[in-house]
N, C-alpha and C. Protein backbone atom coordinates (compact mmCIF):
# COMPACT_ATOMS: atom_id res chain seq x y z
N MET A 1 41.60 21.55 -24.44
CA MET A 1 40.27 21.69 -24.98
C MET A 1 39.58 20.33 -25.13
N GLN A 2 40.31 19.34 -25.56
CA GLN A 2 39.74 18.03 -25.75
C GLN A 2 39.26 17.42 -24.43
N MET A 3 39.96 17.67 -23.34
CA MET A 3 39.57 17.15 -22.03
C MET A 3 38.22 17.72 -21.62
N LYS A 4 37.97 18.99 -21.91
CA LYS A 4 36.68 19.61 -21.58
C LYS A 4 35.55 18.95 -22.37
N GLN A 5 35.81 18.60 -23.62
CA GLN A 5 34.80 17.95 -24.44
C GLN A 5 34.48 16.55 -23.90
N VAL A 6 35.51 15.83 -23.48
CA VAL A 6 35.31 14.49 -22.93
C VAL A 6 34.48 14.59 -21.64
N MET A 7 34.79 15.57 -20.79
CA MET A 7 34.05 15.75 -19.54
C MET A 7 32.60 16.14 -19.83
N ALA A 8 32.39 16.99 -20.83
CA ALA A 8 31.03 17.41 -21.18
C ALA A 8 30.21 16.22 -21.68
N VAL A 9 30.81 15.38 -22.51
CA VAL A 9 30.12 14.19 -23.01
C VAL A 9 29.81 13.24 -21.86
N GLY A 10 30.77 13.07 -20.96
CA GLY A 10 30.56 12.21 -19.79
C GLY A 10 29.43 12.72 -18.92
N LEU A 11 29.39 14.04 -18.71
CA LEU A 11 28.32 14.64 -17.91
C LEU A 11 26.96 14.42 -18.57
N MET A 12 26.90 14.58 -19.90
CA MET A 12 25.64 14.37 -20.60
C MET A 12 25.18 12.91 -20.46
N LEU A 13 26.09 11.96 -20.54
CA LEU A 13 25.72 10.56 -20.38
C LEU A 13 25.19 10.28 -18.98
N VAL A 14 25.83 10.85 -17.97
CA VAL A 14 25.37 10.68 -16.59
C VAL A 14 23.97 11.24 -16.44
N LEU A 15 23.72 12.42 -16.97
CA LEU A 15 22.40 13.03 -16.87
C LEU A 15 21.34 12.22 -17.62
N MET A 16 21.71 11.65 -18.76
CA MET A 16 20.76 10.83 -19.51
C MET A 16 20.39 9.58 -18.72
N VAL A 17 21.38 8.94 -18.12
CA VAL A 17 21.13 7.73 -17.33
C VAL A 17 20.28 8.08 -16.11
N ALA A 18 20.61 9.18 -15.44
CA ALA A 18 19.84 9.59 -14.26
C ALA A 18 18.40 9.91 -14.66
N GLY A 19 18.22 10.57 -15.77
CA GLY A 19 16.87 10.89 -16.24
C GLY A 19 16.08 9.65 -16.56
N ASP A 20 16.73 8.65 -17.13
CA ASP A 20 16.07 7.39 -17.42
C ASP A 20 15.66 6.67 -16.14
N ALA A 21 16.50 6.73 -15.13
CA ALA A 21 16.17 6.09 -13.85
C ALA A 21 14.95 6.75 -13.22
N CYS A 22 14.85 8.06 -13.35
CA CYS A 22 13.68 8.76 -12.80
C CYS A 22 12.41 8.32 -13.51
N ARG A 23 12.48 8.14 -14.81
CA ARG A 23 11.30 7.70 -15.54
C ARG A 23 10.87 6.31 -15.10
N ARG A 24 11.83 5.45 -14.80
CA ARG A 24 11.48 4.10 -14.36
C ARG A 24 10.73 4.14 -13.03
N LYS A 25 11.03 5.11 -12.17
CA LYS A 25 10.34 5.21 -10.89
C LYS A 25 8.87 5.53 -11.08
N GLU A 26 8.53 6.19 -12.18
CA GLU A 26 7.13 6.50 -12.44
C GLU A 26 6.32 5.21 -12.61
N VAL A 27 6.95 4.17 -13.12
CA VAL A 27 6.28 2.89 -13.30
C VAL A 27 5.98 2.29 -11.93
N GLY A 28 6.88 2.49 -10.98
CA GLY A 28 6.67 2.02 -9.62
C GLY A 28 7.24 0.64 -9.40
N ASP A 29 7.17 0.24 -8.17
CA ASP A 29 7.63 -1.07 -7.74
C ASP A 29 6.43 -1.78 -7.14
N MET A 30 5.65 -2.43 -8.00
CA MET A 30 4.40 -3.05 -7.58
C MET A 30 4.69 -4.34 -6.81
N ARG A 31 4.05 -4.43 -5.64
CA ARG A 31 4.18 -5.62 -4.79
C ARG A 31 2.81 -6.07 -4.33
N THR A 32 2.71 -7.31 -3.96
CA THR A 32 1.46 -7.86 -3.45
C THR A 32 1.72 -8.44 -2.07
N VAL A 33 0.84 -8.10 -1.14
CA VAL A 33 0.97 -8.58 0.23
C VAL A 33 -0.39 -9.09 0.70
N THR A 34 -0.37 -10.12 1.53
CA THR A 34 -1.59 -10.61 2.16
C THR A 34 -1.51 -10.27 3.64
N ILE A 35 -2.53 -9.59 4.13
CA ILE A 35 -2.60 -9.14 5.51
C ILE A 35 -3.68 -9.93 6.23
N ASN A 36 -3.34 -10.47 7.39
CA ASN A 36 -4.30 -11.20 8.21
C ASN A 36 -5.13 -10.20 9.00
N VAL A 37 -6.45 -10.32 8.88
CA VAL A 37 -7.38 -9.44 9.60
C VAL A 37 -8.37 -10.36 10.32
N PRO A 38 -7.98 -10.86 11.51
CA PRO A 38 -8.78 -11.90 12.18
C PRO A 38 -10.24 -11.52 12.43
N ALA A 39 -10.53 -10.26 12.68
CA ALA A 39 -11.91 -9.85 12.98
C ALA A 39 -12.75 -9.58 11.74
N MET A 40 -12.17 -9.72 10.57
CA MET A 40 -12.93 -9.51 9.33
C MET A 40 -13.65 -10.82 9.02
N ARG A 41 -14.87 -10.94 9.59
CA ARG A 41 -15.61 -12.21 9.50
C ARG A 41 -16.92 -12.09 8.71
N SER A 42 -17.13 -10.95 8.07
CA SER A 42 -18.38 -10.78 7.31
C SER A 42 -18.12 -9.93 6.08
N ALA A 43 -19.08 -9.96 5.18
CA ALA A 43 -18.97 -9.13 3.97
C ALA A 43 -18.96 -7.66 4.34
N ALA A 44 -19.71 -7.28 5.37
CA ALA A 44 -19.74 -5.88 5.80
C ALA A 44 -18.37 -5.44 6.30
N ALA A 45 -17.71 -6.29 7.08
CA ALA A 45 -16.38 -5.97 7.58
C ALA A 45 -15.38 -5.89 6.42
N ALA A 46 -15.47 -6.82 5.47
CA ALA A 46 -14.59 -6.81 4.30
C ALA A 46 -14.79 -5.53 3.50
N SER A 47 -16.02 -5.11 3.36
CA SER A 47 -16.32 -3.87 2.64
C SER A 47 -15.71 -2.67 3.35
N LEU A 48 -15.78 -2.66 4.66
CA LEU A 48 -15.21 -1.56 5.44
C LEU A 48 -13.69 -1.52 5.29
N VAL A 49 -13.04 -2.67 5.32
CA VAL A 49 -11.59 -2.74 5.14
C VAL A 49 -11.22 -2.25 3.75
N LEU A 50 -11.94 -2.69 2.74
CA LEU A 50 -11.68 -2.26 1.37
C LEU A 50 -11.84 -0.74 1.26
N ARG A 51 -12.93 -0.21 1.78
CA ARG A 51 -13.18 1.24 1.70
C ARG A 51 -12.08 2.02 2.43
N THR A 52 -11.62 1.50 3.55
CA THR A 52 -10.54 2.15 4.30
C THR A 52 -9.27 2.25 3.46
N LEU A 53 -8.89 1.16 2.80
CA LEU A 53 -7.68 1.18 1.98
C LEU A 53 -7.82 2.09 0.77
N VAL A 54 -9.00 2.12 0.19
CA VAL A 54 -9.22 3.00 -0.97
C VAL A 54 -9.14 4.46 -0.54
N GLU A 55 -9.83 4.79 0.55
CA GLU A 55 -9.91 6.20 0.97
C GLU A 55 -8.64 6.72 1.64
N THR A 56 -8.01 5.91 2.47
CA THR A 56 -6.86 6.43 3.22
C THR A 56 -5.53 6.18 2.53
N GLN A 57 -5.43 5.09 1.77
CA GLN A 57 -4.16 4.75 1.13
C GLN A 57 -4.17 4.96 -0.38
N ARG A 58 -5.33 5.34 -0.91
CA ARG A 58 -5.47 5.60 -2.36
C ARG A 58 -5.11 4.38 -3.19
N ILE A 59 -5.50 3.20 -2.70
CA ILE A 59 -5.32 1.96 -3.46
C ILE A 59 -6.57 1.79 -4.32
N ALA A 60 -6.38 1.47 -5.59
CA ALA A 60 -7.52 1.25 -6.48
C ALA A 60 -8.28 0.00 -6.02
N PRO A 61 -9.61 0.04 -6.04
CA PRO A 61 -10.40 -1.11 -5.58
C PRO A 61 -10.05 -2.42 -6.28
N ASP A 62 -9.68 -2.35 -7.55
CA ASP A 62 -9.34 -3.58 -8.27
C ASP A 62 -7.99 -4.17 -7.85
N LYS A 63 -7.26 -3.47 -6.97
CA LYS A 63 -5.98 -3.95 -6.45
C LYS A 63 -6.12 -4.55 -5.05
N ILE A 64 -7.37 -4.67 -4.59
CA ILE A 64 -7.65 -5.18 -3.25
C ILE A 64 -8.59 -6.38 -3.36
N GLN A 65 -8.22 -7.48 -2.73
CA GLN A 65 -9.08 -8.66 -2.68
C GLN A 65 -9.30 -9.02 -1.21
N THR A 66 -10.54 -8.97 -0.78
CA THR A 66 -10.86 -9.35 0.59
C THR A 66 -11.41 -10.76 0.61
N ASP A 67 -11.08 -11.49 1.65
CA ASP A 67 -11.55 -12.86 1.82
C ASP A 67 -11.94 -13.02 3.29
N PHE A 68 -13.23 -12.77 3.59
CA PHE A 68 -13.64 -12.82 4.98
C PHE A 68 -13.73 -14.25 5.51
N THR A 69 -13.79 -15.23 4.62
CA THR A 69 -13.78 -16.63 5.06
C THR A 69 -12.43 -16.98 5.68
N ASN A 70 -11.35 -16.50 5.06
CA ASN A 70 -10.00 -16.76 5.56
C ASN A 70 -9.44 -15.60 6.37
N HIS A 71 -10.23 -14.53 6.51
CA HIS A 71 -9.84 -13.36 7.31
C HIS A 71 -8.57 -12.70 6.76
N THR A 72 -8.50 -12.54 5.44
CA THR A 72 -7.32 -11.92 4.83
C THR A 72 -7.74 -10.87 3.81
N VAL A 73 -6.84 -9.94 3.59
CA VAL A 73 -6.98 -8.97 2.51
C VAL A 73 -5.65 -8.97 1.76
N THR A 74 -5.74 -9.11 0.44
CA THR A 74 -4.56 -9.12 -0.41
C THR A 74 -4.55 -7.82 -1.19
N VAL A 75 -3.42 -7.11 -1.12
CA VAL A 75 -3.32 -5.78 -1.71
C VAL A 75 -2.12 -5.74 -2.64
N THR A 76 -2.32 -5.24 -3.84
CA THR A 76 -1.23 -4.94 -4.76
C THR A 76 -1.02 -3.43 -4.68
N TYR A 77 0.20 -3.02 -4.34
CA TYR A 77 0.48 -1.61 -4.08
C TYR A 77 1.85 -1.23 -4.63
N ASP A 78 2.09 0.06 -4.75
CA ASP A 78 3.37 0.58 -5.22
C ASP A 78 4.23 0.85 -4.00
N SER A 79 5.30 0.07 -3.83
CA SER A 79 6.14 0.20 -2.65
C SER A 79 6.97 1.48 -2.66
N LEU A 80 6.99 2.20 -3.78
CA LEU A 80 7.67 3.49 -3.81
C LEU A 80 6.76 4.59 -3.23
N GLN A 81 5.48 4.29 -3.06
CA GLN A 81 4.54 5.26 -2.52
C GLN A 81 4.14 4.96 -1.08
N ARG A 82 4.19 3.71 -0.67
CA ARG A 82 3.80 3.35 0.70
C ARG A 82 4.43 2.02 1.07
N ALA A 83 4.41 1.73 2.36
CA ALA A 83 4.96 0.48 2.88
C ALA A 83 3.82 -0.39 3.39
N VAL A 84 4.13 -1.65 3.63
CA VAL A 84 3.13 -2.57 4.18
C VAL A 84 2.60 -2.02 5.50
N LYS A 85 3.46 -1.43 6.30
CA LYS A 85 3.04 -0.88 7.60
C LYS A 85 1.97 0.19 7.41
N ASN A 86 2.03 0.98 6.35
CA ASN A 86 0.98 1.98 6.10
C ASN A 86 -0.37 1.29 5.93
N LEU A 87 -0.38 0.19 5.21
CA LEU A 87 -1.62 -0.56 4.98
C LEU A 87 -2.13 -1.15 6.30
N GLU A 88 -1.22 -1.75 7.05
CA GLU A 88 -1.60 -2.36 8.32
C GLU A 88 -2.15 -1.32 9.30
N PHE A 89 -1.46 -0.18 9.42
CA PHE A 89 -1.91 0.85 10.34
C PHE A 89 -3.24 1.46 9.92
N ALA A 90 -3.49 1.56 8.62
CA ALA A 90 -4.78 2.07 8.15
C ALA A 90 -5.91 1.12 8.56
N ILE A 91 -5.68 -0.18 8.40
CA ILE A 91 -6.69 -1.17 8.79
C ILE A 91 -6.90 -1.14 10.30
N ALA A 92 -5.81 -1.04 11.05
CA ALA A 92 -5.90 -0.98 12.52
C ALA A 92 -6.65 0.27 12.97
N ALA A 93 -6.42 1.39 12.29
CA ALA A 93 -7.11 2.63 12.63
C ALA A 93 -8.61 2.53 12.37
N ALA A 94 -9.00 1.63 11.47
CA ALA A 94 -10.42 1.41 11.19
C ALA A 94 -11.08 0.50 12.22
N GLY A 95 -10.27 -0.09 13.12
CA GLY A 95 -10.83 -0.92 14.18
C GLY A 95 -10.57 -2.40 14.06
N PHE A 96 -9.67 -2.80 13.16
CA PHE A 96 -9.38 -4.22 12.95
C PHE A 96 -7.89 -4.48 13.18
N LYS A 97 -7.58 -5.56 13.87
CA LYS A 97 -6.19 -5.98 13.99
C LYS A 97 -5.70 -6.36 12.60
N ALA A 98 -4.49 -5.94 12.26
CA ALA A 98 -3.90 -6.23 10.95
C ALA A 98 -2.51 -6.82 11.17
N ASN A 99 -2.35 -8.09 10.88
CA ASN A 99 -1.13 -8.83 11.21
C ASN A 99 -0.86 -8.64 12.70
N GLU A 100 0.25 -8.04 13.07
CA GLU A 100 0.58 -7.87 14.48
C GLU A 100 0.22 -6.48 15.02
N ILE A 101 -0.38 -5.64 14.18
CA ILE A 101 -0.76 -4.30 14.61
C ILE A 101 -2.14 -4.38 15.28
N PRO A 102 -2.24 -4.01 16.56
CA PRO A 102 -3.53 -4.12 17.25
C PRO A 102 -4.54 -3.11 16.73
N ALA A 103 -5.80 -3.47 16.81
CA ALA A 103 -6.88 -2.58 16.38
C ALA A 103 -6.96 -1.38 17.31
N ASP A 104 -7.29 -0.24 16.74
CA ASP A 104 -7.58 0.94 17.55
C ASP A 104 -8.88 0.64 18.31
N GLN A 105 -8.79 0.63 19.63
CA GLN A 105 -9.93 0.21 20.45
C GLN A 105 -11.12 1.15 20.32
N ALA A 106 -10.87 2.45 20.21
CA ALA A 106 -11.98 3.40 20.06
C ALA A 106 -12.70 3.18 18.73
N ALA A 107 -11.94 2.94 17.68
CA ALA A 107 -12.54 2.67 16.36
C ALA A 107 -13.29 1.33 16.36
N ALA A 108 -12.71 0.34 17.03
CA ALA A 108 -13.34 -0.98 17.10
C ALA A 108 -14.68 -0.89 17.82
N ALA A 109 -14.76 -0.07 18.86
CA ALA A 109 -16.01 0.08 19.61
C ALA A 109 -17.11 0.73 18.79
N LYS A 110 -16.71 1.51 17.77
CA LYS A 110 -17.68 2.22 16.92
C LYS A 110 -18.10 1.41 15.69
N LEU A 111 -17.50 0.25 15.50
CA LEU A 111 -17.85 -0.57 14.33
C LEU A 111 -19.31 -1.02 14.43
N PRO A 112 -20.00 -1.12 13.29
CA PRO A 112 -21.37 -1.66 13.31
C PRO A 112 -21.36 -3.07 13.89
N PRO A 113 -22.44 -3.51 14.47
CA PRO A 113 -22.49 -4.85 15.10
C PRO A 113 -22.08 -5.99 14.16
N ASP A 114 -22.43 -5.91 12.88
CA ASP A 114 -22.06 -7.00 11.96
C ASP A 114 -20.59 -6.96 11.54
N CYS A 115 -19.84 -5.97 12.04
CA CYS A 115 -18.40 -5.88 11.73
C CYS A 115 -17.54 -6.23 12.94
N ARG A 116 -18.17 -6.56 14.06
CA ARG A 116 -17.39 -6.86 15.27
C ARG A 116 -17.13 -8.34 15.42
C-alpha cells in the first residue's frame, strides 16, 4: 500500500512540474532579429514592410522598427509562434528581398513606384 502512495505522490509532482512548464510557454521566447531589406529605400517601402509583418505575421507594430536609411527592419517576436524564416518569407512575398530570400518578382512588379 505504501508503494502506491509513493507512486501517486511522484505522479502528482510530475504533473505539477509539467503544468508549470506549460504556463511558462505562455510567456513565450521573445527574440529580436534584424533583417536586411536592400530595396527598402523610402518611408513608403518601410511602411509597406511594417504593414506586411503586422497583417501576415501578427506582430504588434510597436515590436517592429524600420530603418530605410540602413535598409533594415528589426523585429521582436515570439520564437515559439514563428521563426525568422516566416518573417523573411512574408517580406519576400510582399516584393522585397529579405536577407537571402529573394523577392517575389510578381509582387515586386506590383509595388508602387516609390517602393521600387
